[in-house]
């Protein structure tokens, strides 16, 4: 829930990456071979774990650009936005 509202992003986003990375490692056989052609006991339902982990990395990379997050509204505009506004871009 904290990720959705964007509260304490400095601490929550790395925690989300750790949890998603741990779950990705736990089902890595299903990510490598989702249809079970080479490895036994795999399941195609676990394949989106890779996509969710990649999405977590993207969210972490662009957290400074998120204007709708709860803690972004408390901090004000980043310096890059103020510079763009002053330059007329």
C-alpha atoms as a PDB file:
ATOM      1  CA  UNK A   1       0.000   0.000   0.000  1.00  0.00           C
ATOM      2  CA  UNK A   2       2.909   2.353   0.723  1.00  0.00           C
ATOM      3  CA  UNK A   3       4.247   1.835  -2.807  1.00  0.00           C
ATOM      4  CA  UNK A   4       0.877   2.705  -4.326  1.00  0.00           C
ATOM      5  CA  UNK A   5       0.458   5.994  -2.473  1.00  0.00           C
ATOM      6  CA  UNK A   6       4.152   6.867  -2.701  1.00  0.00           C
ATOM      7  CA  UNK A   7       4.908   7.340   0.970  1.00  0.00           C
ATOM      8  CA  UNK A   8       8.514   7.009   2.247  1.00  0.00           C
ATOM      9  CA  UNK A   9       9.768   6.122  -1.224  1.00  0.00           C
ATOM     10  CA  UNK A  10      13.400   6.336  -0.136  1.00  0.00           C
ATOM     11  CA  UNK A  11      12.924   3.275   2.090  1.00  0.00           C
ATOM     12  CA  UNK A  12       9.945   1.467   0.562  1.00  0.00           C
ATOM     13  CA  UNK A  13      11.180   1.207  -3.047  1.00  0.00           C
ATOM     14  CA  UNK A  14      14.467  -0.553  -2.143  1.00  0.00           C
ATOM     15  CA  UNK A  15      12.488  -2.851   0.166  1.00  0.00           C
ATOM     16  CA  UNK A  16      10.128  -3.623  -2.707  1.00  0.00           C
ATOM     17  CA  UNK A  17      13.098  -4.457  -4.967  1.00  0.00           C
ATOM     18  CA  UNK A  18      14.543  -6.782  -2.329  1.00  0.00           C
ATOM     19  CA  UNK A  19      11.246  -8.617  -1.828  1.00  0.00           C
ATOM     20  CA  UNK A  20      10.560  -8.907  -5.553  1.00  0.00           C
ATOM     21  CA  UNK A  21      14.137 -10.032  -6.177  1.00  0.00           C
ATOM     22  CA  UNK A  22      13.861 -12.701  -3.502  1.00  0.00           C
ATOM     23  CA  UNK A  23      10.611 -14.002  -4.970  1.00  0.00           C
ATOM     24  CA  UNK A  24      12.175 -13.957  -8.446  1.00  0.00           C
ATOM     25  CA  UNK A  25      15.073 -16.071  -7.199  1.00  0.00           C
ATOM     26  CA  UNK A  26      12.653 -18.468  -5.503  1.00  0.00           C
ATOM     27  CA  UNK A  27      10.841 -19.165  -8.781  1.00  0.00           C
ATOM     28  CA  UNK A  28      13.844 -18.783 -11.098  1.00  0.00           C
ATOM     29  CA  UNK A  29      13.353 -22.246 -12.611  1.00  0.00           C
ATOM     30  CA  UNK A  30       9.866 -21.228 -13.727  1.00  0.00           C
ATOM     31  CA  UNK A  31      11.228 -17.995 -15.195  1.00  0.00           C
ATOM     32  CA  UNK A  32      13.929 -19.813 -17.160  1.00  0.00           C
ATOM     33  CA  UNK A  33      11.629 -22.583 -18.428  1.00  0.00           C
ATOM     34  CA  UNK A  34       7.982 -21.564 -17.897  1.00  0.00           C
ATOM     35  CA  UNK A  35       6.520 -24.384 -20.000  1.00  0.00           C
ATOM     36  CA  UNK A  36       8.515 -27.139 -18.305  1.00  0.00           C
ATOM     37  CA  UNK A  37      10.258 -28.430 -21.426  1.00  0.00           C
ATOM     38  CA  UNK A  38      13.660 -28.876 -19.762  1.00  0.00           C
ATOM     39  CA  UNK A  39      13.150 -28.430 -16.026  1.00  0.00           C
ATOM     40  CA  UNK A  40      10.764 -30.382 -13.805  1.00  0.00           C
ATOM     41  CA  UNK A  41       8.238 -28.697 -11.542  1.00  0.00           C
ATOM     42  CA  UNK A  42       8.002 -25.370 -13.344  1.00  0.00           C
ATOM     43  CA  UNK A  43       4.859 -23.306 -13.744  1.00  0.00           C
ATOM     44  CA  UNK A  44       4.039 -20.686 -16.386  1.00  0.00           C
ATOM     45  CA  UNK A  45       2.144 -18.599 -13.824  1.00  0.00           C
ATOM     46  CA  UNK A  46       5.419 -17.542 -12.172  1.00  0.00           C
ATOM     47  CA  UNK A  47       6.893 -16.068 -15.369  1.00  0.00           C
ATOM     48  CA  UNK A  48       5.533 -12.513 -14.703  1.00  0.00           C
ATOM     49  CA  UNK A  49       7.842 -12.327 -11.668  1.00  0.00           C
ATOM     50  CA  UNK A  50      10.570 -11.139 -14.032  1.00  0.00           C
ATOM     51  CA  UNK A  51       8.332  -8.387 -15.395  1.00  0.00           C
ATOM     52  CA  UNK A  52       7.317  -7.269 -11.906  1.00  0.00           C
ATOM     53  CA  UNK A  53      10.974  -7.100 -10.848  1.00  0.00           C
ATOM     54  CA  UNK A  54      11.830  -5.034 -13.940  1.00  0.00           C
ATOM     55  CA  UNK A  55       8.908  -2.718 -13.176  1.00  0.00           C
ATOM     56  CA  UNK A  56      10.230  -2.242  -9.649  1.00  0.00           C
ATOM     57  CA  UNK A  57      13.595  -1.195 -11.065  1.00  0.00           C
ATOM     58  CA  UNK A  58      11.911   1.295 -13.408  1.00  0.00           C
ATOM     59  CA  UNK A  59       9.862   2.767 -10.559  1.00  0.00           C
ATOM     60  CA  UNK A  60      13.045   3.143  -8.514  1.00  0.00           C
ATOM     61  CA  UNK A  61      14.911   4.780 -11.399  1.00  0.00           C
ATOM     62  CA  UNK A  62      12.203   7.373 -12.046  1.00  0.00           C
ATOM     63  CA  UNK A  63      11.072   8.099  -8.498  1.00  0.00           C
ATOM     64  CA  UNK A  64      12.252  11.721  -8.723  1.00  0.00           C
ATOM     65  CA  UNK A  65       9.944  12.299 -11.695  1.00  0.00           C
ATOM     66  CA  UNK A  66       6.811  11.124  -9.878  1.00  0.00           C
ATOM     67  CA  UNK A  67       4.663  14.172  -9.126  1.00  0.00           C
ATOM     68  CA  UNK A  68       1.677  12.236  -7.779  1.00  0.00           C
ATOM     69  CA  UNK A  69       3.453  10.466  -4.917  1.00  0.00           C
ATOM     70  CA  UNK A  70       2.447  11.486  -1.422  1.00  0.00           C
ATOM     71  CA  UNK A  71       5.920  12.448  -0.261  1.00  0.00           C
ATOM     72  CA  UNK A  72       6.679  14.285  -3.544  1.00  0.00           C
ATOM     73  CA  UNK A  73       3.850  16.690  -2.802  1.00  0.00           C
ATOM     74  CA  UNK A  74       5.405  17.454   0.582  1.00  0.00           C
ATOM     75  CA  UNK A  75       8.861  18.227  -0.870  1.00  0.00           C
ATOM     76  CA  UNK A  76       7.860  20.506  -3.737  1.00  0.00           C
ATOM     77  CA  UNK A  77       9.208  20.470  -7.288  1.00  0.00           C
ATOM     78  CA  UNK A  78      12.628  18.958  -8.107  1.00  0.00           C
ATOM     79  CA  UNK A  79      15.342  21.326  -9.312  1.00  0.00           C
ATOM     80  CA  UNK A  80      15.216  19.878 -12.834  1.00  0.00           C
ATOM     81  CA  UNK A  81      11.552  20.895 -13.185  1.00  0.00           C
ATOM     82  CA  UNK A  82      12.225  24.385 -11.900  1.00  0.00           C
ATOM     83  CA  UNK A  83      15.089  24.766 -14.395  1.00  0.00           C
ATOM     84  CA  UNK A  84      12.843  23.617 -17.259  1.00  0.00           C
ATOM     85  CA  UNK A  85      10.151  26.045 -16.224  1.00  0.00           C
ATOM     86  CA  UNK A  86      12.660  28.941 -16.071  1.00  0.00           C
ATOM     87  CA  UNK A  87      14.117  28.065 -19.489  1.00  0.00           C
ATOM     88  CA  UNK A  88      10.701  27.948 -21.142  1.00  0.00           C
ATOM     89  CA  UNK A  89      10.891  24.248 -22.104  1.00  0.00           C
END
